[in-house]
Protein backbone atom coordinates (compact mmCIF):
# COMPACT_ATOMS: atom_id res chain seq x y z
CA UNK A 1 101.76 62.87 124.94
CA UNK A 2 102.89 65.53 122.52
CA UNK A 3 102.10 65.57 118.81
CA UNK A 4 105.91 65.39 118.01
CA UNK A 5 106.17 62.09 120.05
CA UNK A 6 103.16 60.67 118.45
CA UNK A 7 104.49 61.49 115.00
CA UNK A 8 107.70 59.90 115.73
CA UNK A 9 106.06 56.65 116.98
CA UNK A 10 103.84 56.63 113.93
CA UNK A 11 107.04 57.19 111.71
CA UNK A 12 108.79 54.34 113.48
CA UNK A 13 105.79 51.99 113.01
CA UNK A 14 105.27 53.03 109.36
CA UNK A 15 109.01 52.49 108.67
CA UNK A 16 108.78 49.01 110.28
CA UNK A 17 105.82 48.08 108.17
CA UNK A 18 107.40 49.48 105.00
CA UNK A 19 110.64 47.51 105.40
CA UNK A 20 108.65 44.34 106.38
CA UNK A 21 106.49 44.81 103.46
CA UNK A 22 109.22 45.38 101.09
CA UNK A 23 111.16 42.32 102.11
CA UNK A 24 108.04 40.23 102.12
CA UNK A 25 106.99 41.48 98.34
CA UNK A 26 110.69 40.97 97.42
CA UNK A 27 110.49 37.43 98.55
CA UNK A 28 107.09 36.92 96.99
CA UNK A 29 108.01 38.43 93.63
CA UNK A 30 111.29 36.37 93.59
CA UNK A 31 109.31 33.33 93.67
CA UNK A 32 106.85 34.47 90.88
CA UNK A 33 107.94 32.80 87.64
CA UNK A 34 109.31 29.70 89.25
CA UNK A 35 108.12 26.26 89.92
CA UNK A 36 109.14 23.79 92.71
CA UNK A 37 110.69 20.38 93.02
CA UNK A 38 111.30 18.19 95.98
CA UNK A 39 114.54 16.16 95.84
CA UNK A 40 115.12 13.50 98.50
CA UNK A 41 118.81 13.06 99.45
CA UNK A 42 120.60 10.50 101.59
CA UNK A 43 122.81 13.21 103.27
CA UNK A 44 122.80 16.90 102.23
CA UNK A 45 126.43 17.38 103.96
CA UNK A 46 125.15 20.65 105.72
CA UNK A 47 123.09 22.30 102.74
CA UNK A 48 121.25 25.30 104.00
CA UNK A 49 118.19 27.29 102.86
CA UNK A 50 118.94 30.03 100.26
CA UNK A 51 121.67 27.93 98.68
CA UNK A 52 121.95 28.08 94.94
CA UNK A 53 120.94 25.58 92.41
CA UNK A 54 123.49 25.54 89.47
CA UNK A 55 123.27 24.08 86.05
CA UNK A 56 126.69 24.28 84.17
CA UNK A 57 127.76 26.96 86.78
CA UNK A 58 124.82 29.20 86.16
CA UNK A 59 122.17 29.79 88.95
CA UNK A 60 118.88 28.59 88.02
CA UNK A 61 117.00 28.56 91.37
CA UNK A 62 117.26 28.58 95.05
CA UNK A 63 116.94 26.05 97.92
CA UNK A 64 113.90 27.22 99.98
CA UNK A 65 113.77 24.38 102.61
CA UNK A 66 115.77 21.66 103.94
CA UNK A 67 114.06 19.23 106.24
CA UNK A 68 113.84 15.59 107.41
CA UNK A 69 110.88 13.97 105.70
CA UNK A 70 111.25 10.21 105.34
CA UNK A 71 109.24 8.88 102.33
CA UNK A 72 108.53 5.17 101.71
CA UNK A 73 109.00 5.85 97.97
CA UNK A 74 112.61 6.91 98.67
CA UNK A 75 114.12 4.58 101.32
CA UNK A 76 117.46 5.63 102.71
CA UNK A 77 116.84 9.01 101.42
CA UNK A 78 115.34 10.86 104.58
CA UNK A 79 116.22 14.50 103.73
CA UNK A 80 113.69 16.37 101.61
CA UNK A 81 115.05 19.51 99.91
CA UNK A 82 112.42 21.93 98.17
CA UNK A 83 113.92 23.77 95.14
CA UNK A 84 112.40 26.83 93.53
CA UNK A 85 113.46 26.82 89.96
CA UNK A 86 112.96 29.31 87.11
CA UNK A 87 110.40 28.34 84.65
CA UNK A 88 112.82 28.85 81.70
CA UNK A 89 115.27 26.34 83.23
CA UNK A 90 114.05 22.97 82.19
CA UNK A 91 115.05 19.73 83.95
CA UNK A 92 114.82 16.37 82.20
CA UNK A 93 114.59 12.71 83.33
CA UNK A 94 118.41 12.06 82.53
CA UNK A 95 119.37 15.05 84.85
CA UNK A 96 121.07 14.22 88.18
CA UNK A 97 120.81 16.43 91.20
CA UNK A 98 123.62 16.27 93.73
CA UNK A 99 125.03 18.25 96.68
CA UNK A 100 128.23 19.80 95.69
CA UNK A 101 130.86 22.40 97.07
CA UNK A 102 132.85 24.57 94.89
CA UNK A 103 135.84 25.04 97.31
CA UNK A 104 137.15 23.49 100.55
CA UNK A 105 135.50 26.17 102.65
CA UNK A 106 132.92 27.32 100.11
CA UNK A 107 129.17 27.11 100.48
CA UNK A 108 127.34 24.12 99.42
CA UNK A 109 124.94 24.10 96.58
CA UNK A 110 122.62 21.80 94.47
CA UNK A 111 124.29 20.91 91.32
CA UNK A 112 122.38 19.70 88.19
CA UNK A 113 124.60 17.11 86.38
CA UNK A 114 123.47 16.83 82.81
CA UNK A 115 125.04 14.23 80.44
CA UNK A 116 126.27 15.33 76.99
CA UNK A 117 125.06 13.77 73.80
CA UNK A 118 128.20 11.69 73.59
CA UNK A 119 127.87 10.45 77.23
CA UNK A 120 124.21 9.46 76.54
CA UNK A 121 125.16 7.73 73.44
CA UNK A 122 127.90 5.77 75.08
CA UNK A 123 125.78 4.79 77.94
CA UNK A 124 122.65 3.97 75.80
CA UNK A 125 120.34 6.40 77.73
CA UNK A 126 117.93 9.06 76.46
CA UNK A 127 117.24 12.54 77.69
CA UNK A 128 113.62 11.83 78.57
CA UNK A 129 110.80 13.99 79.20
CA UNK A 130 110.74 17.42 81.12
CA UNK A 131 110.19 17.06 84.93
CA UNK A 132 106.90 18.53 85.86
CA UNK A 133 106.57 20.90 88.82
CA UNK A 134 105.94 19.60 92.32
CA UNK A 135 107.71 16.18 91.33
CA UNK A 136 109.43 14.18 94.02
CA UNK A 137 113.04 13.04 92.80
CA UNK A 138 115.82 10.90 94.34
CA UNK A 139 119.13 12.85 94.58
CA UNK A 140 122.62 11.51 94.00
CA UNK A 141 125.43 11.03 96.24
CA UNK A 142 127.52 14.20 97.29
CA UNK A 143 130.17 15.38 95.05
CA UNK A 144 133.27 17.51 94.92
CA UNK A 145 134.60 18.98 98.05
CA UNK A 146 131.40 17.95 100.01
CA UNK A 147 132.56 14.39 99.75
CA UNK A 148 136.32 15.00 100.45
CA UNK A 149 136.08 14.00 104.19
CA UNK A 150 134.54 10.56 103.40
CA UNK A 151 137.20 9.93 100.52
CA UNK A 152 139.90 11.03 102.97
CA UNK A 153 138.61 8.53 105.60
CA UNK A 154 138.33 5.87 103.06
CA UNK A 155 141.90 6.46 101.98
CA UNK A 156 143.32 6.63 105.34
CA UNK A 157 141.39 3.24 106.18
CA UNK A 158 142.88 1.65 102.94
CA UNK A 159 146.29 2.89 103.85
CA UNK A 160 146.13 1.48 107.33
CA UNK A 161 144.89 -1.93 106.08
CA UNK A 162 147.86 -1.86 103.72
CA UNK A 163 150.27 -1.12 106.39
CA UNK A 164 148.79 -3.80 108.58
CA UNK A 165 148.97 -6.38 105.87
CA UNK A 166 152.71 -5.59 105.09
CA UNK A 167 153.39 -5.64 108.88
CA UNK A 168 151.61 -9.03 109.28
CA UNK A 169 153.53 -10.38 106.16
CA UNK A 170 157.15 -9.09 106.86
CA UNK A 171 157.09 -8.25 110.68
CA UNK A 172 156.13 -11.78 111.85
CA UNK A 173 159.15 -13.58 113.47
CA UNK A 174 158.28 -16.84 111.70
CA UNK A 175 158.26 -15.12 108.33
CA UNK A 176 161.54 -13.43 109.18
CA UNK A 177 163.20 -16.66 110.17
CA UNK A 178 161.83 -18.25 106.93
CA UNK A 179 163.15 -15.43 104.87
CA UNK A 180 166.60 -15.56 106.58
CA UNK A 181 166.67 -19.51 106.34
CA UNK A 182 165.73 -19.14 102.55
CA UNK A 183 168.54 -16.73 101.86
CA UNK A 184 170.94 -18.69 103.84
CA UNK A 185 170.00 -21.88 101.91
CA UNK A 186 170.32 -19.96 98.71
CA UNK A 187 173.82 -18.69 99.57
CA UNK A 188 174.86 -22.02 100.73
CA UNK A 189 173.58 -23.63 97.55
CA UNK A 190 175.15 -21.05 95.45
CA UNK A 191 178.52 -21.53 97.05
CA UNK A 192 178.24 -25.50 96.57
CA UNK A 193 177.07 -25.11 93.07
CA UNK A 194 179.90 -22.69 92.37
CA UNK A 195 182.50 -25.14 93.95
CA UNK A 196 181.13 -27.99 91.87
CA UNK A 197 181.22 -26.03 88.64
CA UNK A 198 184.63 -25.00 89.43
CA UNK A 199 185.82 -28.55 90.12
CA UNK A 200 184.16 -29.81 86.87
CA UNK A 201 185.84 -27.18 84.81
CA UNK A 202 189.26 -28.01 86.51
CA UNK A 203 188.55 -31.86 85.82
CA UNK A 204 187.89 -31.16 82.17
CA UNK A 205 190.90 -28.89 81.80
CA UNK A 206 193.07 -31.56 83.33
CA UNK A 207 191.76 -34.31 80.94
CA UNK A 208 192.33 -32.08 78.10
CA UNK A 209 196.06 -31.46 79.28
CA UNK A 210 196.49 -35.09 79.86
CA UNK A 211 195.33 -35.89 76.29
CA UNK A 212 197.40 -33.21 74.94
CA UNK A 213 200.57 -34.25 76.88
CA UNK A 214 200.24 -38.06 76.30
CA UNK A 215 199.29 -37.94 72.66
CA UNK A 216 202.81 -38.35 71.49
CA UNK A 217 203.36 -41.39 74.04
CA UNK A 218 200.21 -43.08 72.84
CA UNK A 219 201.20 -42.68 69.23
CA UNK A 220 204.54 -44.18 70.05
CA UNK A 221 203.05 -47.15 71.92
CA UNK A 222 200.81 -47.83 69.08
CA UNK A 223 203.81 -47.93 66.71
CA UNK A 224 205.81 -50.16 69.02
CA UNK A 225 202.84 -52.67 69.09
CA UNK A 226 202.68 -52.65 65.40
CA UNK A 227 206.30 -53.22 65.10
CA UNK A 228 206.07 -55.96 67.70
CA UNK A 229 203.26 -57.62 65.92
CA UNK A 230 205.56 -57.66 62.65
CA UNK A 231 208.38 -59.09 64.55
CA UNK A 232 206.21 -61.97 66.08
CA UNK A 233 204.91 -62.77 62.59
CA UNK A 234 208.42 -63.05 61.30
CA UNK A 235 209.45 -65.30 64.35
CA UNK A 236 206.53 -67.52 63.71
CA UNK A 237 207.52 -67.96 60.20
CA UNK A 238 211.05 -68.77 61.08
CA UNK A 239 209.87 -71.46 63.67
CA UNK A 240 207.64 -72.84 60.83
CA UNK A 241 210.58 -73.10 58.48
CA UNK A 242 212.71 -74.64 61.24
CA UNK A 243 210.10 -77.34 61.67
CA UNK A 244 209.86 -78.02 58.09
CA UNK A 245 213.60 -78.26 57.83
CA UNK A 246 213.78 -80.67 60.78
CA UNK A 247 211.22 -83.00 59.25
CA UNK A 248 213.24 -83.08 55.96
CA UNK A 249 216.73 -83.41 57.30
CA UNK A 250 218.89 -85.73 59.78
CA UNK A 251 218.28 -85.65 63.51
CA UNK A 252 220.24 -82.84 65.10
CA UNK A 253 221.92 -82.72 68.32
CA UNK A 254 219.06 -80.66 69.91
CA UNK A 255 216.62 -83.45 69.02
CA UNK A 256 218.65 -85.92 70.96
CA UNK A 257 218.75 -83.58 73.85
CA UNK A 258 215.07 -83.29 73.67
CA UNK A 259 214.56 -87.18 73.78
CA UNK A 260 216.72 -87.54 76.80
CA UNK A 261 214.54 -84.85 78.56
CA UNK A 262 211.58 -86.64 77.57
CA UNK A 263 212.85 -89.83 79.23
CA UNK A 264 213.65 -88.10 82.30
CA UNK A 265 210.15 -86.63 82.24
CA UNK A 266 208.66 -89.88 82.02
CA UNK A 267 210.47 -91.16 84.97
CA UNK A 268 209.18 -88.26 86.93
CA UNK A 269 205.64 -88.97 85.82
CA UNK A 270 206.18 -92.56 86.84
CA UNK A 271 207.22 -91.46 90.23
CA UNK A 272 204.33 -89.13 90.63
CA UNK A 273 201.90 -92.07 89.58
CA UNK A 274 203.31 -94.39 92.31
CA UNK A 275 202.73 -91.56 94.73
CA UNK A 276 199.12 -91.00 93.64
CA UNK A 277 198.50 -94.70 93.88
CA UNK A 278 199.75 -94.74 97.59
CA UNK A 279 197.41 -91.88 98.35
CA UNK A 280 194.50 -93.76 96.76
CA UNK A 281 195.26 -96.98 98.71
CA UNK A 282 195.09 -94.98 101.93
CA UNK A 283 191.77 -95.73 103.91
CA UNK A 284 191.35 -92.22 105.15
CA UNK A 285 191.81 -90.77 101.73
CA UNK A 286 189.25 -93.29 100.32
CA UNK A 287 186.80 -92.20 102.90
CA UNK A 288 187.33 -88.63 102.06
CA UNK A 289 186.98 -89.26 98.52
CA UNK A 290 183.66 -91.06 99.05
CA UNK A 291 182.43 -88.08 101.24
CA UNK A 292 183.48 -85.73 98.42
CA UNK A 293 181.69 -87.82 95.86
CA UNK A 294 178.62 -87.86 97.99
CA UNK A 295 178.79 -84.07 98.35
CA UNK A 296 179.30 -83.82 94.53
CA UNK A 297 176.16 -85.98 93.92
CA UNK A 298 174.14 -83.74 96.21
CA UNK A 299 175.52 -80.70 94.67
CA UNK A 300 174.71 -82.24 91.18
CA UNK A 301 171.13 -82.84 92.43
CA UNK A 302 170.59 -79.36 93.70
CA UNK A 303 172.04 -77.99 90.41
CA UNK A 304 169.50 -80.14 88.56
CA UNK A 305 166.71 -78.86 90.62
CA UNK A 306 167.83 -75.40 90.10
CA UNK A 307 168.19 -75.89 86.27
CA UNK A 308 164.67 -77.36 86.18
CA UNK A 309 163.31 -74.38 88.03
CA UNK A 310 165.07 -72.02 85.76
CA UNK A 311 163.80 -73.99 82.75
CA UNK A 312 160.29 -73.63 84.06
CA UNK A 313 160.76 -69.88 84.65
CA UNK A 314 162.41 -69.58 81.24
CA UNK A 315 159.35 -71.43 79.56
CA UNK A 316 156.74 -69.49 81.34
CA UNK A 317 155.45 -67.10 78.95
CA UNK A 318 154.21 -64.49 81.55
CA UNK A 319 157.79 -64.45 83.09
CA UNK A 320 159.23 -64.09 79.73
CA UNK A 321 156.94 -61.30 78.96
CA UNK A 322 157.83 -59.61 82.21
CA UNK A 323 161.57 -60.06 81.81
CA UNK A 324 161.29 -58.74 78.18
CA UNK A 325 159.35 -55.72 79.71
CA UNK A 326 161.79 -55.32 82.43
CA UNK A 327 164.71 -55.37 79.96
CA UNK A 328 162.90 -52.98 77.64
CA UNK A 329 162.34 -50.65 80.57
CA UNK A 330 165.80 -51.08 81.63
CA UNK A 331 167.03 -50.17 78.09
CA UNK A 332 164.80 -47.18 77.93
CA UNK A 333 165.95 -45.88 81.46
CA UNK A 334 169.47 -46.41 80.56
CA UNK A 335 169.05 -44.42 77.25
CA UNK A 336 167.34 -41.67 79.19
CA UNK A 337 170.02 -41.68 81.92
CA UNK A 338 172.72 -41.52 79.11
CA UNK A 339 170.84 -38.49 77.45
CA UNK A 340 170.40 -36.82 80.74
CA UNK A 341 173.94 -37.42 81.71
CA UNK A 342 175.13 -36.10 78.31
CA UNK A 343 172.92 -32.97 78.76
CA UNK A 344 174.09 -32.47 82.14
CA UNK A 345 177.66 -32.83 80.89
CA UNK A 346 177.09 -30.25 78.22
CA UNK A 347 175.49 -27.86 80.72
CA UNK A 348 178.22 -28.27 83.24
CA UNK A 349 180.87 -27.94 80.61
CA UNK A 350 179.51 -24.77 79.19
CA UNK A 351 181.07 -21.80 80.52
CA UNK A 352 178.31 -19.44 79.51
CA UNK A 353 175.73 -21.69 81.38
CA UNK A 354 177.78 -21.66 84.45
CA UNK A 355 178.32 -18.07 84.36
CA UNK A 356 174.37 -17.43 83.68
CA UNK A 357 173.47 -19.72 86.68
CA UNK A 358 175.90 -17.89 89.09
CA UNK A 359 174.59 -14.53 87.73
CA UNK A 360 170.88 -15.70 88.13
CA UNK A 361 171.73 -16.75 91.84
CA UNK A 362 173.43 -13.47 92.56
CA UNK A 363 170.53 -11.62 91.05
CA UNK A 364 168.17 -13.62 93.26
CA UNK A 365 170.15 -12.69 96.40
CA UNK A 366 170.04 -9.10 95.27
CA UNK A 367 166.44 -9.12 94.53
CA UNK A 368 165.55 -10.66 97.87
CA UNK A 369 167.58 -8.11 99.66
CA UNK A 370 165.96 -5.22 97.59
CA UNK A 371 162.58 -6.74 98.15
CA UNK A 372 163.04 -6.53 101.97
CA UNK A 373 164.40 -2.86 101.53
CA UNK A 374 161.49 -1.83 99.21
CA UNK A 375 158.96 -3.30 101.74
CA UNK A 376 160.47 -1.41 104.58
CA UNK A 377 160.36 1.88 102.47
CA UNK A 378 156.69 1.11 101.55
CA UNK A 379 155.95 0.71 105.25
CA UNK A 380 157.59 4.12 105.89
CA UNK A 381 155.79 5.75 103.02
CA UNK A 382 152.49 4.36 104.15
CA UNK A 383 153.11 5.64 107.71
CA UNK A 384 153.94 9.09 106.25
CA UNK A 385 150.80 8.98 104.11
CA UNK A 386 148.82 8.03 107.13
CA UNK A 387 150.24 10.96 109.18
CA UNK A 388 149.76 13.52 106.27
CA UNK A 389 146.20 12.41 105.82
CA UNK A 390 145.54 12.64 109.47
CA UNK A 391 147.13 16.11 109.73
CA UNK A 392 145.19 17.41 106.55
CA UNK A 393 141.93 16.17 108.25
CA UNK A 394 143.03 18.05 111.48
CA UNK A 395 143.81 21.20 109.52
CA UNK A 396 140.41 20.86 107.53
CA UNK A 397 138.64 20.41 110.81
CA UNK A 398 140.35 23.35 112.36
CA UNK A 399 139.45 25.64 109.38
CA UNK A 400 135.79 24.52 108.97
CA UNK A 401 133.54 26.29 111.55
CA UNK A 402 131.22 24.45 113.63
CA UNK A 403 128.31 26.94 112.98
CA UNK A 404 127.97 29.84 110.56
CA UNK A 405 125.27 32.54 110.95
CA UNK A 406 124.79 34.98 108.24
CA UNK A 407 122.60 38.12 108.41
CA UNK A 408 121.70 41.13 106.25
CA UNK A 409 120.64 44.30 107.96
CA UNK A 410 118.91 47.16 106.35
CA UNK A 411 118.84 50.50 108.31
CA UNK A 412 117.35 54.00 107.68
CA UNK A 413 119.42 56.79 109.28
CA UNK A 414 118.20 60.42 109.73
CA UNK A 415 119.86 62.42 106.98
CA UNK A 416 121.30 59.39 105.15
CA UNK A 417 119.92 56.81 102.65
CA UNK A 418 119.02 53.41 103.42
CA UNK A 419 122.28 51.42 104.27
CA UNK A 420 122.61 47.64 104.01
CA UNK A 421 125.05 45.57 106.10
CA UNK A 422 126.13 41.83 105.49
CA UNK A 423 127.90 39.92 108.14
CA UNK A 424 128.74 36.24 108.81
CA UNK A 425 129.60 34.89 112.34
CA UNK A 426 131.95 31.77 112.36
CA UNK A 427 131.77 29.97 115.47
CA UNK A 428 134.29 27.45 116.54
CA UNK A 429 133.40 25.10 119.64
CA UNK A 430 130.35 25.00 121.81
CA UNK A 431 130.72 28.64 123.27
CA UNK A 432 128.14 30.86 121.39
CA UNK A 433 129.98 34.05 122.52
CA UNK A 434 133.36 32.82 120.84
CA UNK A 435 133.30 33.76 117.11
CA UNK A 436 134.64 35.64 114.15
CA UNK A 437 132.56 38.11 112.47
CA UNK A 438 133.33 38.80 108.74
CA UNK A 439 131.31 41.25 106.63
CA UNK A 440 130.70 44.23 104.65
CA UNK A 441 129.34 47.62 105.80
CA UNK A 442 127.39 49.83 103.42
CA UNK A 443 126.72 47.02 100.89
CA UNK A 444 126.36 48.27 97.32
CA UNK A 445 127.40 51.73 98.10
CA UNK A 446 130.52 52.81 99.98
CA UNK A 447 131.56 49.36 101.06
CA UNK A 448 133.83 48.99 104.06
CA UNK A 449 135.31 45.74 105.90
CA UNK A 450 133.98 44.29 109.24
CA UNK A 451 136.49 41.94 110.83
CA UNK A 452 135.75 41.27 114.47
CA UNK A 453 136.64 38.63 117.34
CA UNK A 454 134.02 37.87 119.72
CA UNK A 455 134.68 36.79 123.27
CA UNK A 456 132.39 36.06 126.21
CA UNK A 457 132.30 38.36 129.27
CA UNK A 458 129.88 36.43 131.38
CA UNK A 459 126.60 34.58 131.19
CA UNK A 460 124.75 36.97 128.95
CA UNK A 461 127.50 39.51 127.80
CA UNK A 462 130.25 39.39 125.26
CA UNK A 463 132.58 41.84 123.51
CA UNK A 464 133.81 42.40 120.09
CA UNK A 465 137.25 44.02 119.02
CA UNK A 466 138.57 44.55 115.61
CA UNK A 467 137.69 46.34 112.39
CA UNK A 468 134.48 48.25 112.10
CA UNK A 469 134.02 49.77 108.73
CA UNK A 470 137.79 49.83 108.05
CA UNK A 471 138.26 51.53 111.34
CA UNK A 472 139.49 50.01 114.65
CA UNK A 473 136.95 49.63 117.39
CA UNK A 474 135.52 47.71 120.28
CA UNK A 475 131.82 46.79 121.18
CA UNK A 476 129.88 45.26 124.11
CA UNK A 477 126.88 43.28 123.80
CA UNK A 478 124.28 42.34 126.50
CA UNK A 479 121.36 39.99 126.11
CA UNK A 480 118.29 41.55 127.70
CA UNK A 481 115.94 38.55 127.13
CA UNK A 482 115.72 35.72 124.71
CA UNK A 483 114.58 37.94 122.12
CA UNK A 484 116.21 41.29 123.09
CA UNK A 485 119.79 42.23 122.78
CA UNK A 486 121.49 45.82 123.20
CA UNK A 487 124.99 46.65 121.96
CA UNK A 488 127.24 49.70 122.31
CA UNK A 489 130.06 50.06 119.55
CA UNK A 490 133.00 52.61 119.94
CA UNK A 491 134.87 52.91 116.86
CA UNK A 492 136.56 55.39 114.40
CA UNK A 493 139.02 56.88 116.84
CA UNK A 494 139.39 60.03 114.69
CA UNK A 495 135.68 60.86 115.17
CA UNK A 496 135.10 59.09 118.43
CA UNK A 497 131.98 57.47 117.11
CA UNK A 498 129.67 55.79 119.51
CA UNK A 499 126.62 53.75 118.36
CA UNK A 500 123.83 52.38 120.45
CA UNK A 501 121.71 49.52 118.82
CA UNK A 502 118.91 47.20 120.06
CA UNK A 503 117.66 43.93 118.63
CA UNK A 504 114.16 42.53 118.99
CA UNK A 505 113.53 39.33 117.36
CA UNK A 506 110.29 38.70 115.65
CA UNK A 507 110.68 35.02 114.50
CA UNK A 508 113.49 32.66 113.39
CA UNK A 509 114.48 34.86 110.41
CA UNK A 510 113.39 38.48 111.08
CA UNK A 511 114.70 40.88 113.88
CA UNK A 512 113.86 44.59 114.37
CA UNK A 513 116.78 47.02 114.97
CA UNK A 514 116.68 50.55 116.30
CA UNK A 515 119.03 52.88 118.00
CA UNK A 516 121.14 56.05 117.80
CA UNK A 517 124.28 56.72 115.74
CA UNK A 518 127.05 59.05 117.12
CA UNK A 519 125.41 58.84 120.52
CA UNK A 520 126.11 61.74 122.82
CA UNK A 521 127.23 63.85 119.82
CA UNK A 522 124.72 64.23 116.78
CA UNK A 523 122.28 61.60 118.39
CA UNK A 524 120.89 60.40 114.86
CA UNK A 525 118.28 57.88 115.33
CA UNK A 526 117.80 54.94 113.02
CA UNK A 527 115.46 51.97 112.43
CA UNK A 528 115.86 48.87 110.44
CA UNK A 529 115.15 45.11 109.82
CA UNK A 530 117.70 42.21 110.05
CA UNK A 531 117.09 38.90 108.28
CA UNK A 532 118.97 35.66 108.76
CA UNK A 533 120.09 34.47 105.37
CA UNK A 534 122.27 31.53 106.28
CA UNK A 535 122.51 29.18 109.30
CA UNK A 536 125.17 26.41 108.98
CA UNK A 537 125.32 23.14 111.00
CA UNK A 538 125.51 23.36 114.77
CA UNK A 539 128.12 21.49 116.62
CA UNK A 540 127.39 17.89 117.56
CA UNK A 541 126.91 17.34 121.37
CA UNK A 542 129.77 15.75 123.17
CA UNK A 543 129.63 12.56 125.21
CA UNK A 544 127.98 13.17 128.46
CA UNK A 545 126.26 16.40 127.43
């Protein structure tokens, strides 16, 4: 083996060790001047390591681990999140730590909710002592957009319950028939009441007209009666004077005629008496008279018994008290009936009351019809809300990736300074080779855009097409082993640049890269180190998998 090859290998190993040592020292020094807290959450909603810890929007630390670690002291909080906080960032017993999310598609972080002096005064709490290092705390519920899906689900559930309740109330055939019958009865009663009111008004108007028309006749009749009464008084006075004159003077011709008439009347009375005597002497008439007398005696006896009974009843104090009470109640009832009748008459004869009653009934009909219409509109509105929330959930689900992998790569190329690349692979669905890659090439220096679409070519091969450092290009990746991948990128059509790169995975976070830039042209070798900085949740397994 030549000296140049040995020097190259040595340079390669020294570069790897230098990069690894630099990253290790960077992480170690980054943790100097910090203290750790362990916060137990019920659900972290996809919180990942390296996430920020924010207080009033300012980063005061990082999440260094997220793991399942049930603790009997914190039941129903199985997720333990270890935080590394700057020593000058003090937390107090009144602070609450929650998982939050700034935007709908943004990264999740741990937010410190610190109450203000006014809030503590209104709630009667104190800020308390400073939380010591390595203390275990109970975290609060997820906030912000992290809890949006749960709130949307609750809202949809409530909307569906409301729709079900409305449908059960108004869509039932029995309730519809009851509403229809009620409206029909109201309409019929309204018509009948209107007819009665109209007839009452007509009767009152007729009586008023009759009084107005016959007022003159009644006045004349009263006058005629008064005149007749005066004439009768005068006639009586004349008769009295005539009798007095007859008693004082000779018998006139009329008195003789009256005597003759009296004689004739006496003869008629005598004839009638003879006839009555003949009837009395008749045997059959006598038997009838005796029977009639017996019936009359029996009747008199019955009447006497009834009178005695009535006397006993009238002399009984209890009966008298009952009768008095009955009469008193009858009198009260009569008075009440008279008052009710008078009040009813006043109500029925008041045009304003009749118009108000008719207007109330009409309003009731209108309100019933409007209530049915409003219910139907509410049902339609809730259906639209249900569809909108469902579509929003679908849109949110379609925009949120099932898995997000973030990496930062440092590479040293011959003749160039150290270059840093930052990329995020957004995976939708269970296919690991179907993803979108979004990132920056040349971070902190001459920054350019990476935007590529990954598609599977086979079991261990996939391709990428899109933007490579602001230039169009295409790449092919092939997995050599579980820890080794080789890729070939052809991009920048003006320069026909072809890059060959290999990846060798050291552990779950670090991967060594090596290769040649501008392959078959300048053949510039490079070496670097890649670190995974973010790994989002993996897709849940489907049924049967």
